[in-house]
Amino acid sequence: MFTAVGDQAACAEVYVELGRVAQQ
């Protein structure tokens, strides 16, 4: 959804959370 509206800052924050999930 953030990608669809072009909110790159929000996308960056979600990538961090996905990284934490992958790390776990």
mmCIF file of all heavy atoms, coordinates in Angstrom:
data_MODEL
# 
_entry.id   MODEL 
# 
loop_
_atom_site.group_PDB 
_atom_site.id 
_atom_site.type_symbol 
_atom_site.label_atom_id 
_atom_site.label_alt_id 
_atom_site.label_comp_id 
_atom_site.label_asym_id 
_atom_site.label_entity_id 
_atom_site.label_seq_id 
_atom_site.pdbx_PDB_ins_code 
_atom_site.Cartn_x 
_atom_site.Cartn_y 
_atom_site.Cartn_z 
_atom_site.occupancy 
_atom_site.B_iso_or_equiv 
_atom_site.pdbx_formal_charge 
_atom_site.auth_seq_id 
_atom_site.auth_comp_id 
_atom_site.auth_asym_id 
_atom_site.auth_atom_id 
_atom_site.pdbx_PDB_model_num 
ATOM 1   N N   . MET A 1 1  ? 0.821  -1.216  0.000  1.00 0.00 ? 1  MET A N   1 
ATOM 2   C CA  . MET A 1 1  ? 0.000  0.000   0.000  1.00 0.00 ? 1  MET A CA  1 
ATOM 3   C C   . MET A 1 1  ? 0.853  1.262   0.000  1.00 0.00 ? 1  MET A C   1 
ATOM 4   O O   . MET A 1 1  ? 0.576  2.214   -0.733 1.00 0.00 ? 1  MET A O   1 
ATOM 5   C CB  . MET A 1 1  ? -0.922 -0.003  1.230  1.00 0.00 ? 1  MET A CB  1 
ATOM 6   C CG  . MET A 1 1  ? -1.976 -1.087  1.189  1.00 0.00 ? 1  MET A CG  1 
ATOM 7   S SD  . MET A 1 1  ? -3.028 -1.062  2.658  1.00 0.00 ? 1  MET A SD  1 
ATOM 8   C CE  . MET A 1 1  ? -4.087 -2.468  2.333  1.00 0.00 ? 1  MET A CE  1 
ATOM 9   N N   . PHE A 1 2  ? 1.903  1.271   0.819  1.00 0.00 ? 2  PHE A N   1 
ATOM 10  C CA  . PHE A 1 2  ? 2.786  2.436   0.834  1.00 0.00 ? 2  PHE A CA  1 
ATOM 11  C C   . PHE A 1 2  ? 3.479  2.602   -0.521 1.00 0.00 ? 2  PHE A C   1 
ATOM 12  O O   . PHE A 1 2  ? 3.701  3.734   -0.977 1.00 0.00 ? 2  PHE A O   1 
ATOM 13  C CB  . PHE A 1 2  ? 3.843  2.291   1.935  1.00 0.00 ? 2  PHE A CB  1 
ATOM 14  C CG  . PHE A 1 2  ? 3.323  2.535   3.320  1.00 0.00 ? 2  PHE A CG  1 
ATOM 15  C CD1 . PHE A 1 2  ? 3.593  1.655   4.355  1.00 0.00 ? 2  PHE A CD1 1 
ATOM 16  C CD2 . PHE A 1 2  ? 2.570  3.678   3.609  1.00 0.00 ? 2  PHE A CD2 1 
ATOM 17  C CE1 . PHE A 1 2  ? 3.132  1.882   5.646  1.00 0.00 ? 2  PHE A CE1 1 
ATOM 18  C CE2 . PHE A 1 2  ? 2.107  3.924   4.893  1.00 0.00 ? 2  PHE A CE2 1 
ATOM 19  C CZ  . PHE A 1 2  ? 2.375  3.019   5.908  1.00 0.00 ? 2  PHE A CZ  1 
ATOM 20  N N   . THR A 1 3  ? 3.832  1.495   -1.147 1.00 0.00 ? 3  THR A N   1 
ATOM 21  C CA  . THR A 1 3  ? 4.476  1.560   -2.468 1.00 0.00 ? 3  THR A CA  1 
ATOM 22  C C   . THR A 1 3  ? 3.516  2.142   -3.493 1.00 0.00 ? 3  THR A C   1 
ATOM 23  O O   . THR A 1 3  ? 3.906  2.949   -4.351 1.00 0.00 ? 3  THR A O   1 
ATOM 24  C CB  . THR A 1 3  ? 4.937  0.158   -2.893 1.00 0.00 ? 3  THR A CB  1 
ATOM 25  O OG1 . THR A 1 3  ? 5.852  -0.366  -1.920 1.00 0.00 ? 3  THR A OG1 1 
ATOM 26  C CG2 . THR A 1 3  ? 5.630  0.205   -4.249 1.00 0.00 ? 3  THR A CG2 1 
ATOM 27  N N   . ALA A 1 4  ? 2.253  1.751   -3.394 1.00 0.00 ? 4  ALA A N   1 
ATOM 28  C CA  . ALA A 1 4  ? 1.247  2.225   -4.361 1.00 0.00 ? 4  ALA A CA  1 
ATOM 29  C C   . ALA A 1 4  ? 1.063  3.732   -4.309 1.00 0.00 ? 4  ALA A C   1 
ATOM 30  O O   . ALA A 1 4  ? 0.840  4.378   -5.340 1.00 0.00 ? 4  ALA A O   1 
ATOM 31  C CB  . ALA A 1 4  ? -0.084 1.520   -4.111 1.00 0.00 ? 4  ALA A CB  1 
ATOM 32  N N   . VAL A 1 5  ? 1.171  4.333   -3.112 1.00 0.00 ? 5  VAL A N   1 
ATOM 33  C CA  . VAL A 1 5  ? 1.000  5.780   -2.990 1.00 0.00 ? 5  VAL A CA  1 
ATOM 34  C C   . VAL A 1 5  ? 2.333  6.516   -3.051 1.00 0.00 ? 5  VAL A C   1 
ATOM 35  O O   . VAL A 1 5  ? 2.376  7.743   -2.960 1.00 0.00 ? 5  VAL A O   1 
ATOM 36  C CB  . VAL A 1 5  ? 0.264  6.149   -1.682 1.00 0.00 ? 5  VAL A CB  1 
ATOM 37  C CG1 . VAL A 1 5  ? -1.134 5.536   -1.665 1.00 0.00 ? 5  VAL A CG1 1 
ATOM 38  C CG2 . VAL A 1 5  ? 1.059  5.712   -0.449 1.00 0.00 ? 5  VAL A CG2 1 
ATOM 39  N N   . GLY A 1 6  ? 3.436  5.780   -3.188 1.00 0.00 ? 6  GLY A N   1 
ATOM 40  C CA  . GLY A 1 6  ? 4.755  6.402   -3.336 1.00 0.00 ? 6  GLY A CA  1 
ATOM 41  C C   . GLY A 1 6  ? 5.350  6.949   -2.054 1.00 0.00 ? 6  GLY A C   1 
ATOM 42  O O   . GLY A 1 6  ? 6.199  7.843   -2.101 1.00 0.00 ? 6  GLY A O   1 
ATOM 43  N N   . ASP A 1 7  ? 4.929  6.434   -0.896 1.00 0.00 ? 7  ASP A N   1 
ATOM 44  C CA  . ASP A 1 7  ? 5.467  6.905   0.387  1.00 0.00 ? 7  ASP A CA  1 
ATOM 45  C C   . ASP A 1 7  ? 6.750  6.127   0.690  1.00 0.00 ? 7  ASP A C   1 
ATOM 46  O O   . ASP A 1 7  ? 6.746  5.093   1.359  1.00 0.00 ? 7  ASP A O   1 
ATOM 47  C CB  . ASP A 1 7  ? 4.442  6.711   1.501  1.00 0.00 ? 7  ASP A CB  1 
ATOM 48  C CG  . ASP A 1 7  ? 4.830  7.450   2.772  1.00 0.00 ? 7  ASP A CG  1 
ATOM 49  O OD1 . ASP A 1 7  ? 6.023  7.765   2.929  1.00 0.00 ? 7  ASP A OD1 1 
ATOM 50  O OD2 . ASP A 1 7  ? 3.951  7.709   3.590  1.00 0.00 ? 7  ASP A OD2 1 
ATOM 51  N N   . GLN A 1 8  ? 7.882  6.651   0.187  1.00 0.00 ? 8  GLN A N   1 
ATOM 52  C CA  . GLN A 1 8  ? 9.148  5.937   0.306  1.00 0.00 ? 8  GLN A CA  1 
ATOM 53  C C   . GLN A 1 8  ? 9.664  5.895   1.747  1.00 0.00 ? 8  GLN A C   1 
ATOM 54  O O   . GLN A 1 8  ? 10.276 4.912   2.168  1.00 0.00 ? 8  GLN A O   1 
ATOM 55  C CB  . GLN A 1 8  ? 10.187 6.589   -0.604 1.00 0.00 ? 8  GLN A CB  1 
ATOM 56  C CG  . GLN A 1 8  ? 9.808  6.524   -2.075 1.00 0.00 ? 8  GLN A CG  1 
ATOM 57  C CD  . GLN A 1 8  ? 10.854 7.164   -2.959 1.00 0.00 ? 8  GLN A CD  1 
ATOM 58  O OE1 . GLN A 1 8  ? 11.850 6.536   -3.304 1.00 0.00 ? 8  GLN A OE1 1 
ATOM 59  N NE2 . GLN A 1 8  ? 10.637 8.416   -3.330 1.00 0.00 ? 8  GLN A NE2 1 
ATOM 60  N N   . ALA A 1 9  ? 9.404  6.951   2.490  1.00 0.00 ? 9  ALA A N   1 
ATOM 61  C CA  . ALA A 1 9  ? 9.845  6.963   3.888  1.00 0.00 ? 9  ALA A CA  1 
ATOM 62  C C   . ALA A 1 9  ? 9.142  5.873   4.679  1.00 0.00 ? 9  ALA A C   1 
ATOM 63  O O   . ALA A 1 9  ? 9.765  5.172   5.492  1.00 0.00 ? 9  ALA A O   1 
ATOM 64  C CB  . ALA A 1 9  ? 9.585  8.329   4.507  1.00 0.00 ? 9  ALA A CB  1 
ATOM 65  N N   . ALA A 1 10 ? 7.830  5.715   4.461  1.00 0.00 ? 10 ALA A N   1 
ATOM 66  C CA  . ALA A 1 10 ? 7.087  4.661   5.153  1.00 0.00 ? 10 ALA A CA  1 
ATOM 67  C C   . ALA A 1 10 ? 7.545  3.282   4.701  1.00 0.00 ? 10 ALA A C   1 
ATOM 68  O O   . ALA A 1 10 ? 7.655  2.355   5.499  1.00 0.00 ? 10 ALA A O   1 
ATOM 69  C CB  . ALA A 1 10 ? 5.593  4.828   4.914  1.00 0.00 ? 10 ALA A CB  1 
ATOM 70  N N   . CYS A 1 11 ? 7.826  3.148   3.403  1.00 0.00 ? 11 CYS A N   1 
ATOM 71  C CA  . CYS A 1 11 ? 8.339  1.869   2.887  1.00 0.00 ? 11 CYS A CA  1 
ATOM 72  C C   . CYS A 1 11 ? 9.646  1.491   3.580  1.00 0.00 ? 11 CYS A C   1 
ATOM 73  O O   . CYS A 1 11 ? 9.860  0.328   3.946  1.00 0.00 ? 11 CYS A O   1 
ATOM 74  C CB  . CYS A 1 11 ? 8.568  1.957   1.379  1.00 0.00 ? 11 CYS A CB  1 
ATOM 75  S SG  . CYS A 1 11 ? 7.057  1.966   0.379  1.00 0.00 ? 11 CYS A SG  1 
ATOM 76  N N   . ALA A 1 12 ? 10.511 2.481   3.760  1.00 0.00 ? 12 ALA A N   1 
ATOM 77  C CA  . ALA A 1 12 ? 11.790 2.218   4.429  1.00 0.00 ? 12 ALA A CA  1 
ATOM 78  C C   . ALA A 1 12 ? 11.575 1.701   5.843  1.00 0.00 ? 12 ALA A C   1 
ATOM 79  O O   . ALA A 1 12 ? 12.260 0.782   6.305  1.00 0.00 ? 12 ALA A O   1 
ATOM 80  C CB  . ALA A 1 12 ? 12.636 3.491   4.450  1.00 0.00 ? 12 ALA A CB  1 
ATOM 81  N N   . GLU A 1 13 ? 10.595 2.279   6.537  1.00 0.00 ? 13 GLU A N   1 
ATOM 82  C CA  . GLU A 1 13 ? 10.316 1.843   7.908  1.00 0.00 ? 13 GLU A CA  1 
ATOM 83  C C   . GLU A 1 13 ? 9.797  0.405   7.928  1.00 0.00 ? 13 GLU A C   1 
ATOM 84  O O   . GLU A 1 13 ? 10.170 -0.387  8.795  1.00 0.00 ? 13 GLU A O   1 
ATOM 85  C CB  . GLU A 1 13 ? 9.287  2.777   8.545  1.00 0.00 ? 13 GLU A CB  1 
ATOM 86  C CG  . GLU A 1 13 ? 9.049  2.519   10.019 1.00 0.00 ? 13 GLU A CG  1 
ATOM 87  C CD  . GLU A 1 13 ? 8.161  3.567   10.664 1.00 0.00 ? 13 GLU A CD  1 
ATOM 88  O OE1 . GLU A 1 13 ? 8.005  4.658   10.072 1.00 0.00 ? 13 GLU A OE1 1 
ATOM 89  O OE2 . GLU A 1 13 ? 7.623  3.291   11.743 1.00 0.00 ? 13 GLU A OE2 1 
ATOM 90  N N   . VAL A 1 14 ? 8.955  0.061   6.950  1.00 0.00 ? 14 VAL A N   1 
ATOM 91  C CA  . VAL A 1 14 ? 8.424  -1.301  6.882  1.00 0.00 ? 14 VAL A CA  1 
ATOM 92  C C   . VAL A 1 14 ? 9.532  -2.293  6.554  1.00 0.00 ? 14 VAL A C   1 
ATOM 93  O O   . VAL A 1 14 ? 9.569  -3.403  7.095  1.00 0.00 ? 14 VAL A O   1 
ATOM 94  C CB  . VAL A 1 14 ? 7.288  -1.398  5.846  1.00 0.00 ? 14 VAL A CB  1 
ATOM 95  C CG1 . VAL A 1 14 ? 6.788  -2.838  5.740  1.00 0.00 ? 14 VAL A CG1 1 
ATOM 96  C CG2 . VAL A 1 14 ? 6.134  -0.488  6.240  1.00 0.00 ? 14 VAL A CG2 1 
ATOM 97  N N   . TYR A 1 15 ? 10.470 -1.914  5.685  1.00 0.00 ? 15 TYR A N   1 
ATOM 98  C CA  . TYR A 1 15 ? 11.592 -2.807  5.378  1.00 0.00 ? 15 TYR A CA  1 
ATOM 99  C C   . TYR A 1 15 ? 12.400 -3.134  6.625  1.00 0.00 ? 15 TYR A C   1 
ATOM 100 O O   . TYR A 1 15 ? 12.890 -4.258  6.792  1.00 0.00 ? 15 TYR A O   1 
ATOM 101 C CB  . TYR A 1 15 ? 12.491 -2.178  4.310  1.00 0.00 ? 15 TYR A CB  1 
ATOM 102 C CG  . TYR A 1 15 ? 12.013 -2.398  2.900  1.00 0.00 ? 15 TYR A CG  1 
ATOM 103 C CD1 . TYR A 1 15 ? 11.750 -1.318  2.064  1.00 0.00 ? 15 TYR A CD1 1 
ATOM 104 C CD2 . TYR A 1 15 ? 11.826 -3.672  2.392  1.00 0.00 ? 15 TYR A CD2 1 
ATOM 105 C CE1 . TYR A 1 15 ? 11.312 -1.501  0.752  1.00 0.00 ? 15 TYR A CE1 1 
ATOM 106 C CE2 . TYR A 1 15 ? 11.383 -3.867  1.089  1.00 0.00 ? 15 TYR A CE2 1 
ATOM 107 C CZ  . TYR A 1 15 ? 11.119 -2.787  0.275  1.00 0.00 ? 15 TYR A CZ  1 
ATOM 108 O OH  . TYR A 1 15 ? 10.688 -2.987  -1.005 1.00 0.00 ? 15 TYR A OH  1 
ATOM 109 N N   . VAL A 1 16 ? 12.544 -2.143  7.514  1.00 0.00 ? 16 VAL A N   1 
ATOM 110 C CA  . VAL A 1 16 ? 13.240 -2.414  8.777  1.00 0.00 ? 16 VAL A CA  1 
ATOM 111 C C   . VAL A 1 16 ? 12.491 -3.469  9.590  1.00 0.00 ? 16 VAL A C   1 
ATOM 112 O O   . VAL A 1 16 ? 13.092 -4.412  10.128 1.00 0.00 ? 16 VAL A O   1 
ATOM 113 C CB  . VAL A 1 16 ? 13.405 -1.120  9.599  1.00 0.00 ? 16 VAL A CB  1 
ATOM 114 C CG1 . VAL A 1 16 ? 13.864 -1.437  11.027 1.00 0.00 ? 16 VAL A CG1 1 
ATOM 115 C CG2 . VAL A 1 16 ? 14.407 -0.188  8.938  1.00 0.00 ? 16 VAL A CG2 1 
ATOM 116 N N   . GLU A 1 17 ? 11.159 -3.316  9.678  1.00 0.00 ? 17 GLU A N   1 
ATOM 117 C CA  . GLU A 1 17 ? 10.374 -4.291  10.441 1.00 0.00 ? 17 GLU A CA  1 
ATOM 118 C C   . GLU A 1 17 ? 10.429 -5.668  9.803  1.00 0.00 ? 17 GLU A C   1 
ATOM 119 O O   . GLU A 1 17 ? 10.515 -6.682  10.509 1.00 0.00 ? 17 GLU A O   1 
ATOM 120 C CB  . GLU A 1 17 ? 8.918  -3.807  10.553 1.00 0.00 ? 17 GLU A CB  1 
ATOM 121 C CG  . GLU A 1 17 ? 8.736  -2.521  11.349 1.00 0.00 ? 17 GLU A CG  1 
ATOM 122 C CD  . GLU A 1 17 ? 9.207  -2.650  12.783 1.00 0.00 ? 17 GLU A CD  1 
ATOM 123 O OE1 . GLU A 1 17 ? 9.093  -3.756  13.352 1.00 0.00 ? 17 GLU A OE1 1 
ATOM 124 O OE2 . GLU A 1 17 ? 9.693  -1.653  13.339 1.00 0.00 ? 17 GLU A OE2 1 
ATOM 125 N N   . LEU A 1 18 ? 10.387 -5.734  8.482  1.00 0.00 ? 18 LEU A N   1 
ATOM 126 C CA  . LEU A 1 18 ? 10.514 -7.024  7.797  1.00 0.00 ? 18 LEU A CA  1 
ATOM 127 C C   . LEU A 1 18 ? 11.894 -7.633  8.047  1.00 0.00 ? 18 LEU A C   1 
ATOM 128 O O   . LEU A 1 18 ? 12.028 -8.855  8.173  1.00 0.00 ? 18 LEU A O   1 
ATOM 129 C CB  . LEU A 1 18 ? 10.273 -6.852  6.294  1.00 0.00 ? 18 LEU A CB  1 
ATOM 130 C CG  . LEU A 1 18 ? 8.802  -6.664  5.882  1.00 0.00 ? 18 LEU A CG  1 
ATOM 131 C CD1 . LEU A 1 18 ? 8.705  -6.239  4.420  1.00 0.00 ? 18 LEU A CD1 1 
ATOM 132 C CD2 . LEU A 1 18 ? 8.005  -7.950  6.112  1.00 0.00 ? 18 LEU A CD2 1 
ATOM 133 N N   . GLY A 1 19 ? 12.911 -6.783  8.114  1.00 0.00 ? 19 GLY A N   1 
ATOM 134 C CA  . GLY A 1 19 ? 14.251 -7.266  8.435  1.00 0.00 ? 19 GLY A CA  1 
ATOM 135 C C   . GLY A 1 19 ? 14.306 -7.873  9.824  1.00 0.00 ? 19 GLY A C   1 
ATOM 136 O O   . GLY A 1 19 ? 14.945 -8.910  10.044 1.00 0.00 ? 19 GLY A O   1 
ATOM 137 N N   . ARG A 1 20 ? 13.633 -7.244  10.791 1.00 0.00 ? 20 ARG A N   1 
ATOM 138 C CA  . ARG A 1 20 ? 13.596 -7.786  12.152 1.00 0.00 ? 20 ARG A CA  1 
ATOM 139 C C   . ARG A 1 20 ? 12.903 -9.149  12.176 1.00 0.00 ? 20 ARG A C   1 
ATOM 140 O O   . ARG A 1 20 ? 13.337 -10.063 12.872 1.00 0.00 ? 20 ARG A O   1 
ATOM 141 C CB  . ARG A 1 20 ? 12.866 -6.822  13.081 1.00 0.00 ? 20 ARG A CB  1 
ATOM 142 C CG  . ARG A 1 20 ? 13.573 -5.491  13.315 1.00 0.00 ? 20 ARG A CG  1 
ATOM 143 C CD  . ARG A 1 20 ? 12.744 -4.584  14.199 1.00 0.00 ? 20 ARG A CD  1 
ATOM 144 N NE  . ARG A 1 20 ? 12.622 -5.152  15.539 1.00 0.00 ? 20 ARG A NE  1 
ATOM 145 C CZ  . ARG A 1 20 ? 11.584 -4.938  16.348 1.00 0.00 ? 20 ARG A CZ  1 
ATOM 146 N NH1 . ARG A 1 20 ? 10.569 -4.203  15.924 1.00 0.00 ? 20 ARG A NH1 1 
ATOM 147 N NH2 . ARG A 1 20 ? 11.546 -5.468  17.547 1.00 0.00 ? 20 ARG A NH2 1 
ATOM 148 N N   . VAL A 1 21 ? 11.816 -9.275  11.387 1.00 0.00 ? 21 VAL A N   1 
ATOM 149 C CA  . VAL A 1 21 ? 11.118 -10.558 11.313 1.00 0.00 ? 21 VAL A CA  1 
ATOM 150 C C   . VAL A 1 21 ? 12.033 -11.620 10.723 1.00 0.00 ? 21 VAL A C   1 
ATOM 151 O O   . VAL A 1 21 ? 12.156 -12.733 11.258 1.00 0.00 ? 21 VAL A O   1 
ATOM 152 C CB  . VAL A 1 21 ? 9.830  -10.424 10.475 1.00 0.00 ? 21 VAL A CB  1 
ATOM 153 C CG1 . VAL A 1 21 ? 9.214  -11.795 10.225 1.00 0.00 ? 21 VAL A CG1 1 
ATOM 154 C CG2 . VAL A 1 21 ? 8.824  -9.517  11.166 1.00 0.00 ? 21 VAL A CG2 1 
ATOM 155 N N   . ALA A 1 22 ? 12.696 -11.285 9.608  1.00 0.00 ? 22 ALA A N   1 
ATOM 156 C CA  . ALA A 1 22 ? 13.610 -12.243 8.975  1.00 0.00 ? 22 ALA A CA  1 
ATOM 157 C C   . ALA A 1 22 ? 14.731 -12.651 9.927  1.00 0.00 ? 22 ALA A C   1 
ATOM 158 O O   . ALA A 1 22 ? 15.135 -13.816 9.979  1.00 0.00 ? 22 ALA A O   1 
ATOM 159 C CB  . ALA A 1 22 ? 14.196 -11.634 7.697  1.00 0.00 ? 22 ALA A CB  1 
ATOM 160 N N   . GLN A 1 23 ? 15.212 -11.712 10.699 1.00 0.00 ? 23 GLN A N   1 
ATOM 161 C CA  . GLN A 1 23 ? 16.288 -12.000 11.653 1.00 0.00 ? 23 GLN A CA  1 
ATOM 162 C C   . GLN A 1 23 ? 15.800 -12.976 12.727 1.00 0.00 ? 23 GLN A C   1 
ATOM 163 O O   . GLN A 1 23 ? 16.535 -13.891 13.112 1.00 0.00 ? 23 GLN A O   1 
ATOM 164 C CB  . GLN A 1 23 ? 16.765 -10.697 12.288 1.00 0.00 ? 23 GLN A CB  1 
ATOM 165 C CG  . GLN A 1 23 ? 18.109 -10.792 12.966 1.00 0.00 ? 23 GLN A CG  1 
ATOM 166 C CD  . GLN A 1 23 ? 18.693 -9.420  13.273 1.00 0.00 ? 23 GLN A CD  1 
ATOM 167 O OE1 . GLN A 1 23 ? 18.357 -8.437  12.620 1.00 0.00 ? 23 GLN A OE1 1 
ATOM 168 N NE2 . GLN A 1 23 ? 19.562 -9.357  14.256 1.00 0.00 ? 23 GLN A NE2 1 
ATOM 169 N N   . GLN A 1 24 ? 14.569 -12.800 13.202 1.00 0.00 ? 24 GLN A N   1 
ATOM 170 C CA  . GLN A 1 24 ? 14.019 -13.718 14.188 1.00 0.00 ? 24 GLN A CA  1 
ATOM 171 C C   . GLN A 1 24 ? 13.808 -15.105 13.599 1.00 0.00 ? 24 GLN A C   1 
ATOM 172 O O   . GLN A 1 24 ? 13.894 -16.107 14.308 1.00 0.00 ? 24 GLN A O   1 
ATOM 173 C CB  . GLN A 1 24 ? 12.695 -13.175 14.738 1.00 0.00 ? 24 GLN A CB  1 
ATOM 174 C CG  . GLN A 1 24 ? 12.846 -12.014 15.690 1.00 0.00 ? 24 GLN A CG  1 
ATOM 175 C CD  . GLN A 1 24 ? 13.558 -12.402 16.964 1.00 0.00 ? 24 GLN A CD  1 
ATOM 176 O OE1 . GLN A 1 24 ? 13.437 -13.514 17.444 1.00 0.00 ? 24 GLN A OE1 1 
ATOM 177 N NE2 . GLN A 1 24 ? 14.341 -11.472 17.512 1.00 0.00 ? 24 GLN A NE2 1 
# 
